[in-house]
Amino acid sequence: MAATPCEISLLASAISSGGRTGAYERVFERGQQEALAEIEQRASRLGADAVIGVQISTDTINLDETGVLMLITATGTAVKL
């Protein structure tokens, strides 16, 4: 079985800083879904049948006092079954 690491970092959106909000959670959920879709597409282009060991991490980058950027990274190993 051949394995190839795939990694995708995607910038979900600029969000307002502050407490937990519904808008923040929707951006986070959408970002996770997009990261997973992208890692699946990249694995498929490599000829893989699946991606195993998927991990999703998040981070933020402070822009200024008006908001932050949220970074969502999905990593995993593309495998041919």
N, C-alpha and C. Protein backbone atom coordinates (compact mmCIF):
# COMPACT_ATOMS: atom_id res chain seq x y z
N MET A 1 0.84 -1.16 0.00
CA MET A 1 0.00 0.00 0.00
C MET A 1 0.89 1.24 0.00
N ALA A 2 0.67 2.12 -0.97
CA ALA A 2 1.44 3.36 -1.06
C ALA A 2 0.73 4.44 -0.27
N ALA A 3 1.48 5.29 0.38
CA ALA A 3 0.91 6.38 1.16
C ALA A 3 1.59 7.68 0.80
N THR A 4 0.81 8.72 0.65
CA THR A 4 1.32 10.04 0.33
C THR A 4 0.70 11.06 1.28
N PRO A 5 1.50 11.86 1.97
CA PRO A 5 0.90 12.86 2.85
C PRO A 5 0.26 13.99 2.04
N CYS A 6 -0.87 14.40 2.46
CA CYS A 6 -1.57 15.53 1.84
C CYS A 6 -1.79 16.58 2.92
N GLU A 7 -1.62 17.80 2.56
CA GLU A 7 -1.87 18.85 3.53
C GLU A 7 -2.50 20.02 2.82
N ILE A 8 -3.47 20.59 3.43
CA ILE A 8 -4.11 21.78 2.89
C ILE A 8 -4.33 22.78 4.01
N SER A 9 -3.91 23.97 3.76
CA SER A 9 -4.21 25.05 4.69
C SER A 9 -5.17 25.97 3.96
N LEU A 10 -6.22 26.33 4.62
CA LEU A 10 -7.10 27.26 3.96
C LEU A 10 -7.54 28.33 4.91
N LEU A 11 -7.66 29.49 4.36
CA LEU A 11 -8.06 30.65 5.12
C LEU A 11 -9.56 30.73 5.05
N ALA A 12 -10.22 30.52 6.15
CA ALA A 12 -11.67 30.44 6.14
C ALA A 12 -12.30 31.82 5.89
N SER A 13 -11.97 32.79 6.70
CA SER A 13 -12.63 34.08 6.56
C SER A 13 -12.12 35.03 7.63
N ALA A 14 -12.30 36.30 7.38
CA ALA A 14 -12.03 37.27 8.44
C ALA A 14 -13.25 37.30 9.34
N ILE A 15 -13.03 37.23 10.62
CA ILE A 15 -14.14 37.23 11.57
C ILE A 15 -13.90 38.28 12.63
N SER A 16 -14.94 38.71 13.24
CA SER A 16 -14.81 39.68 14.32
C SER A 16 -14.21 39.03 15.53
N SER A 17 -13.34 39.75 16.22
CA SER A 17 -12.78 39.23 17.45
C SER A 17 -13.82 39.35 18.55
N GLY A 18 -13.62 38.61 19.59
CA GLY A 18 -14.56 38.66 20.70
C GLY A 18 -14.99 37.28 21.11
N GLY A 19 -16.14 37.19 21.75
CA GLY A 19 -16.64 35.93 22.28
C GLY A 19 -17.17 35.00 21.21
N ARG A 20 -17.62 33.86 21.68
CA ARG A 20 -18.18 32.82 20.81
C ARG A 20 -19.51 33.30 20.24
N THR A 21 -19.64 33.23 18.93
CA THR A 21 -20.88 33.68 18.29
C THR A 21 -21.32 32.64 17.27
N GLY A 22 -22.60 32.70 16.90
CA GLY A 22 -23.12 31.81 15.87
C GLY A 22 -22.41 32.02 14.55
N ALA A 23 -22.11 33.26 14.21
CA ALA A 23 -21.41 33.54 12.95
C ALA A 23 -20.02 32.91 12.95
N TYR A 24 -19.32 33.02 14.07
CA TYR A 24 -17.99 32.43 14.20
C TYR A 24 -18.07 30.92 14.01
N GLU A 25 -19.05 30.29 14.65
CA GLU A 25 -19.19 28.84 14.56
C GLU A 25 -19.53 28.40 13.14
N ARG A 26 -20.35 29.16 12.44
CA ARG A 26 -20.69 28.83 11.04
C ARG A 26 -19.46 28.94 10.15
N VAL A 27 -18.64 29.95 10.34
CA VAL A 27 -17.41 30.10 9.56
C VAL A 27 -16.48 28.94 9.84
N PHE A 28 -16.35 28.58 11.11
CA PHE A 28 -15.49 27.47 11.49
C PHE A 28 -15.97 26.16 10.86
N GLU A 29 -17.27 25.89 10.93
CA GLU A 29 -17.82 24.66 10.36
C GLU A 29 -17.63 24.63 8.84
N ARG A 30 -17.89 25.74 8.19
CA ARG A 30 -17.70 25.80 6.74
C ARG A 30 -16.23 25.59 6.37
N GLY A 31 -15.34 26.18 7.13
CA GLY A 31 -13.91 26.02 6.89
C GLY A 31 -13.47 24.58 7.04
N GLN A 32 -13.98 23.89 8.06
CA GLN A 32 -13.65 22.48 8.24
C GLN A 32 -14.15 21.65 7.07
N GLN A 33 -15.37 21.90 6.64
CA GLN A 33 -15.94 21.16 5.51
C GLN A 33 -15.12 21.38 4.24
N GLU A 34 -14.72 22.62 4.00
CA GLU A 34 -13.92 22.93 2.81
C GLU A 34 -12.54 22.28 2.89
N ALA A 35 -11.94 22.28 4.06
CA ALA A 35 -10.62 21.65 4.22
C ALA A 35 -10.70 20.15 3.97
N LEU A 36 -11.74 19.51 4.49
CA LEU A 36 -11.91 18.07 4.27
C LEU A 36 -12.18 17.76 2.80
N ALA A 37 -13.01 18.57 2.15
CA ALA A 37 -13.30 18.37 0.73
C ALA A 37 -12.02 18.52 -0.10
N GLU A 38 -11.21 19.52 0.24
CA GLU A 38 -9.97 19.76 -0.50
C GLU A 38 -8.98 18.61 -0.32
N ILE A 39 -8.84 18.10 0.89
CA ILE A 39 -7.90 17.00 1.11
C ILE A 39 -8.36 15.75 0.37
N GLU A 40 -9.67 15.52 0.30
CA GLU A 40 -10.22 14.39 -0.45
C GLU A 40 -9.94 14.56 -1.95
N GLN A 41 -10.12 15.75 -2.48
CA GLN A 41 -9.87 16.02 -3.90
C GLN A 41 -8.39 15.82 -4.23
N ARG A 42 -7.51 16.32 -3.38
CA ARG A 42 -6.07 16.16 -3.63
C ARG A 42 -5.67 14.69 -3.59
N ALA A 43 -6.22 13.94 -2.66
CA ALA A 43 -5.92 12.52 -2.56
C ALA A 43 -6.42 11.79 -3.81
N SER A 44 -7.59 12.13 -4.28
CA SER A 44 -8.15 11.52 -5.48
C SER A 44 -7.27 11.80 -6.69
N ARG A 45 -6.79 13.02 -6.83
CA ARG A 45 -5.90 13.36 -7.95
C ARG A 45 -4.60 12.57 -7.91
N LEU A 46 -4.20 12.13 -6.72
CA LEU A 46 -3.00 11.31 -6.57
C LEU A 46 -3.28 9.82 -6.83
N GLY A 47 -4.55 9.50 -7.07
CA GLY A 47 -4.92 8.12 -7.31
C GLY A 47 -5.25 7.34 -6.04
N ALA A 48 -5.43 8.04 -4.95
CA ALA A 48 -5.71 7.38 -3.67
C ALA A 48 -7.19 7.01 -3.58
N ASP A 49 -7.46 5.99 -2.77
CA ASP A 49 -8.82 5.56 -2.52
C ASP A 49 -9.40 6.16 -1.24
N ALA A 50 -8.54 6.58 -0.35
CA ALA A 50 -8.99 7.10 0.94
C ALA A 50 -7.92 7.98 1.56
N VAL A 51 -8.33 8.70 2.58
CA VAL A 51 -7.39 9.49 3.40
C VAL A 51 -7.56 9.01 4.83
N ILE A 52 -6.46 8.62 5.46
CA ILE A 52 -6.51 8.13 6.83
C ILE A 52 -5.74 9.06 7.76
N GLY A 53 -6.01 8.93 9.05
CA GLY A 53 -5.30 9.73 10.04
C GLY A 53 -5.53 11.21 9.90
N VAL A 54 -6.73 11.60 9.51
CA VAL A 54 -7.03 13.02 9.28
C VAL A 54 -7.06 13.78 10.61
N GLN A 55 -6.38 14.89 10.62
CA GLN A 55 -6.40 15.80 11.77
C GLN A 55 -6.71 17.19 11.27
N ILE A 56 -7.51 17.90 12.02
CA ILE A 56 -7.86 19.28 11.68
C ILE A 56 -7.39 20.16 12.82
N SER A 57 -6.65 21.21 12.48
CA SER A 57 -6.21 22.16 13.50
C SER A 57 -6.62 23.56 13.07
N THR A 58 -6.74 24.43 14.03
CA THR A 58 -7.11 25.81 13.75
C THR A 58 -6.14 26.75 14.44
N ASP A 59 -6.04 27.92 13.88
CA ASP A 59 -5.21 28.97 14.47
C ASP A 59 -5.80 30.30 14.02
N THR A 60 -5.41 31.34 14.66
CA THR A 60 -5.86 32.66 14.26
C THR A 60 -4.66 33.58 14.08
N ILE A 61 -4.85 34.56 13.22
CA ILE A 61 -3.85 35.59 12.99
C ILE A 61 -4.55 36.92 13.27
N ASN A 62 -4.05 37.65 14.27
CA ASN A 62 -4.65 38.95 14.59
C ASN A 62 -4.31 39.96 13.51
N LEU A 63 -5.36 40.56 12.95
CA LEU A 63 -5.17 41.61 11.95
C LEU A 63 -4.91 42.95 12.63
N ASP A 64 -5.86 43.34 13.40
CA ASP A 64 -5.79 44.59 14.15
C ASP A 64 -6.92 44.54 15.18
N GLU A 65 -7.30 45.67 15.71
CA GLU A 65 -8.34 45.67 16.74
C GLU A 65 -9.72 45.32 16.19
N THR A 66 -9.87 45.26 14.87
CA THR A 66 -11.19 44.99 14.29
C THR A 66 -11.45 43.52 13.99
N GLY A 67 -10.43 42.68 14.00
CA GLY A 67 -10.70 41.27 13.70
C GLY A 67 -9.47 40.41 13.57
N VAL A 68 -9.73 39.15 13.26
CA VAL A 68 -8.69 38.15 13.09
C VAL A 68 -8.98 37.33 11.85
N LEU A 69 -7.95 36.64 11.37
CA LEU A 69 -8.13 35.65 10.31
C LEU A 69 -8.08 34.29 10.97
N MET A 70 -8.94 33.39 10.54
CA MET A 70 -8.93 32.04 11.08
C MET A 70 -8.31 31.13 10.03
N LEU A 71 -7.33 30.34 10.46
CA LEU A 71 -6.63 29.41 9.59
C LEU A 71 -7.03 28.00 9.99
N ILE A 72 -7.52 27.22 9.02
CA ILE A 72 -7.90 25.82 9.28
C ILE A 72 -7.01 24.93 8.43
N THR A 73 -6.34 23.99 9.07
CA THR A 73 -5.42 23.09 8.38
C THR A 73 -5.89 21.65 8.57
N ALA A 74 -6.03 20.93 7.46
CA ALA A 74 -6.37 19.51 7.52
C ALA A 74 -5.17 18.73 7.00
N THR A 75 -4.74 17.72 7.74
CA THR A 75 -3.64 16.86 7.30
C THR A 75 -4.10 15.42 7.38
N GLY A 76 -3.52 14.59 6.53
CA GLY A 76 -3.85 13.18 6.54
C GLY A 76 -2.93 12.45 5.57
N THR A 77 -3.12 11.15 5.46
CA THR A 77 -2.31 10.33 4.56
C THR A 77 -3.22 9.70 3.51
N ALA A 78 -2.91 10.00 2.26
CA ALA A 78 -3.67 9.41 1.15
C ALA A 78 -3.17 7.99 0.92
N VAL A 79 -4.12 7.04 0.80
CA VAL A 79 -3.73 5.64 0.64
C VAL A 79 -4.45 5.00 -0.55
N LYS A 80 -3.76 4.07 -1.16
CA LYS A 80 -4.32 3.25 -2.23
C LYS A 80 -4.63 1.89 -1.62
N LEU A 81 -5.90 1.49 -1.63
CA LEU A 81 -6.31 0.25 -1.03
C LEU A 81 -6.20 -0.91 -2.01
